[in-house]
């Protein structure tokens, strides 16, 4: 992903301490981060070797635990 017109916040010594992003770029980064987290969770579940349960069963268990 290219970042045109990078804008940095610098301290008194000129060291970069922050970055200013366009709102659209920020939103894309958040979406990419969410997708990566989903991939990590999937990979961890797959590697665990545990048996998967159907979504409806999982929801019933969650609802029962709330009561």
C-alpha atoms as a PDB file:
ATOM      1  CA  UNK A   1       0.000   0.000   0.000  1.00  0.00           C
ATOM      2  CA  UNK A   2       1.525   3.282  -1.006  1.00  0.00           C
ATOM      3  CA  UNK A   3       1.137   6.265   1.269  1.00  0.00           C
ATOM      4  CA  UNK A   4       1.151   9.480  -0.744  1.00  0.00           C
ATOM      5  CA  UNK A   5       1.833  12.754   1.016  1.00  0.00           C
ATOM      6  CA  UNK A   6       3.092  11.273   4.273  1.00  0.00           C
ATOM      7  CA  UNK A   7       2.782  13.723   7.149  1.00  0.00           C
ATOM      8  CA  UNK A   8       4.690  13.229  10.368  1.00  0.00           C
ATOM      9  CA  UNK A   9       4.572  14.820  13.785  1.00  0.00           C
ATOM     10  CA  UNK A  10       8.078  15.517  15.065  1.00  0.00           C
ATOM     11  CA  UNK A  11       9.476  16.493  18.449  1.00  0.00           C
ATOM     12  CA  UNK A  12      11.838  19.398  19.151  1.00  0.00           C
ATOM     13  CA  UNK A  13      14.807  17.298  17.963  1.00  0.00           C
ATOM     14  CA  UNK A  14      13.103  16.448  14.667  1.00  0.00           C
ATOM     15  CA  UNK A  15      12.460  12.824  15.684  1.00  0.00           C
ATOM     16  CA  UNK A  16       9.258  11.399  14.201  1.00  0.00           C
ATOM     17  CA  UNK A  17       6.777  10.757  16.989  1.00  0.00           C
ATOM     18  CA  UNK A  18       3.514  10.328  15.082  1.00  0.00           C
ATOM     19  CA  UNK A  19       1.876  10.231  11.713  1.00  0.00           C
ATOM     20  CA  UNK A  20      -1.152  11.932  10.247  1.00  0.00           C
ATOM     21  CA  UNK A  21      -3.265   9.715   8.018  1.00  0.00           C
ATOM     22  CA  UNK A  22      -6.081  10.489   5.654  1.00  0.00           C
ATOM     23  CA  UNK A  23      -9.335   9.145   7.122  1.00  0.00           C
ATOM     24  CA  UNK A  24      -9.754   6.735   4.189  1.00  0.00           C
ATOM     25  CA  UNK A  25      -6.227   5.370   4.697  1.00  0.00           C
ATOM     26  CA  UNK A  26      -6.894   4.960   8.407  1.00  0.00           C
ATOM     27  CA  UNK A  27     -10.145   3.107   7.707  1.00  0.00           C
ATOM     28  CA  UNK A  28      -8.382   0.764   5.246  1.00  0.00           C
ATOM     29  CA  UNK A  29      -5.701   0.035   7.846  1.00  0.00           C
ATOM     30  CA  UNK A  30      -8.358  -0.838  10.421  1.00  0.00           C
ATOM     31  CA  UNK A  31     -10.125  -3.125   7.947  1.00  0.00           C
ATOM     32  CA  UNK A  32      -6.844  -4.835   7.047  1.00  0.00           C
ATOM     33  CA  UNK A  33      -6.028  -5.270  10.735  1.00  0.00           C
ATOM     34  CA  UNK A  34      -9.430  -6.842  11.380  1.00  0.00           C
ATOM     35  CA  UNK A  35      -8.951  -9.234   8.469  1.00  0.00           C
ATOM     36  CA  UNK A  36      -5.494 -10.230   9.710  1.00  0.00           C
ATOM     37  CA  UNK A  37      -6.889 -10.893  13.178  1.00  0.00           C
ATOM     38  CA  UNK A  38      -9.565 -13.148  11.681  1.00  0.00           C
ATOM     39  CA  UNK A  39      -6.874 -15.062   9.812  1.00  0.00           C
ATOM     40  CA  UNK A  40      -4.814 -15.454  13.001  1.00  0.00           C
ATOM     41  CA  UNK A  41      -7.836 -16.743  14.924  1.00  0.00           C
ATOM     42  CA  UNK A  42      -8.652 -19.180  12.125  1.00  0.00           C
ATOM     43  CA  UNK A  43      -5.051 -20.426  11.985  1.00  0.00           C
ATOM     44  CA  UNK A  44      -4.961 -20.870  15.782  1.00  0.00           C
ATOM     45  CA  UNK A  45      -8.251 -22.785  15.761  1.00  0.00           C
ATOM     46  CA  UNK A  46      -7.064 -24.989  12.921  1.00  0.00           C
ATOM     47  CA  UNK A  47      -3.742 -25.689  14.675  1.00  0.00           C
ATOM     48  CA  UNK A  48      -5.435 -26.548  17.986  1.00  0.00           C
ATOM     49  CA  UNK A  49      -6.808 -29.772  16.559  1.00  0.00           C
ATOM     50  CA  UNK A  50     -10.032 -29.305  18.515  1.00  0.00           C
ATOM     51  CA  UNK A  51     -13.279 -30.456  16.959  1.00  0.00           C
ATOM     52  CA  UNK A  52     -15.321 -27.641  15.437  1.00  0.00           C
ATOM     53  CA  UNK A  53     -18.920 -27.222  16.528  1.00  0.00           C
ATOM     54  CA  UNK A  54     -21.720 -25.826  14.379  1.00  0.00           C
ATOM     55  CA  UNK A  55     -22.417 -22.118  14.787  1.00  0.00           C
ATOM     56  CA  UNK A  56     -25.995 -22.670  16.006  1.00  0.00           C
ATOM     57  CA  UNK A  57     -24.752 -25.033  18.739  1.00  0.00           C
ATOM     58  CA  UNK A  58     -22.143 -22.510  19.827  1.00  0.00           C
ATOM     59  CA  UNK A  59     -24.771 -19.762  20.029  1.00  0.00           C
ATOM     60  CA  UNK A  60     -27.052 -21.988  22.141  1.00  0.00           C
ATOM     61  CA  UNK A  61     -24.156 -22.668  24.536  1.00  0.00           C
ATOM     62  CA  UNK A  62     -23.376 -18.958  24.807  1.00  0.00           C
ATOM     63  CA  UNK A  63     -27.022 -18.070  25.449  1.00  0.00           C
ATOM     64  CA  UNK A  64     -27.336 -20.814  28.065  1.00  0.00           C
ATOM     65  CA  UNK A  65     -24.216 -19.529  29.859  1.00  0.00           C
ATOM     66  CA  UNK A  66     -25.716 -16.023  30.060  1.00  0.00           C
ATOM     67  CA  UNK A  67     -28.726 -17.260  32.061  1.00  0.00           C
END
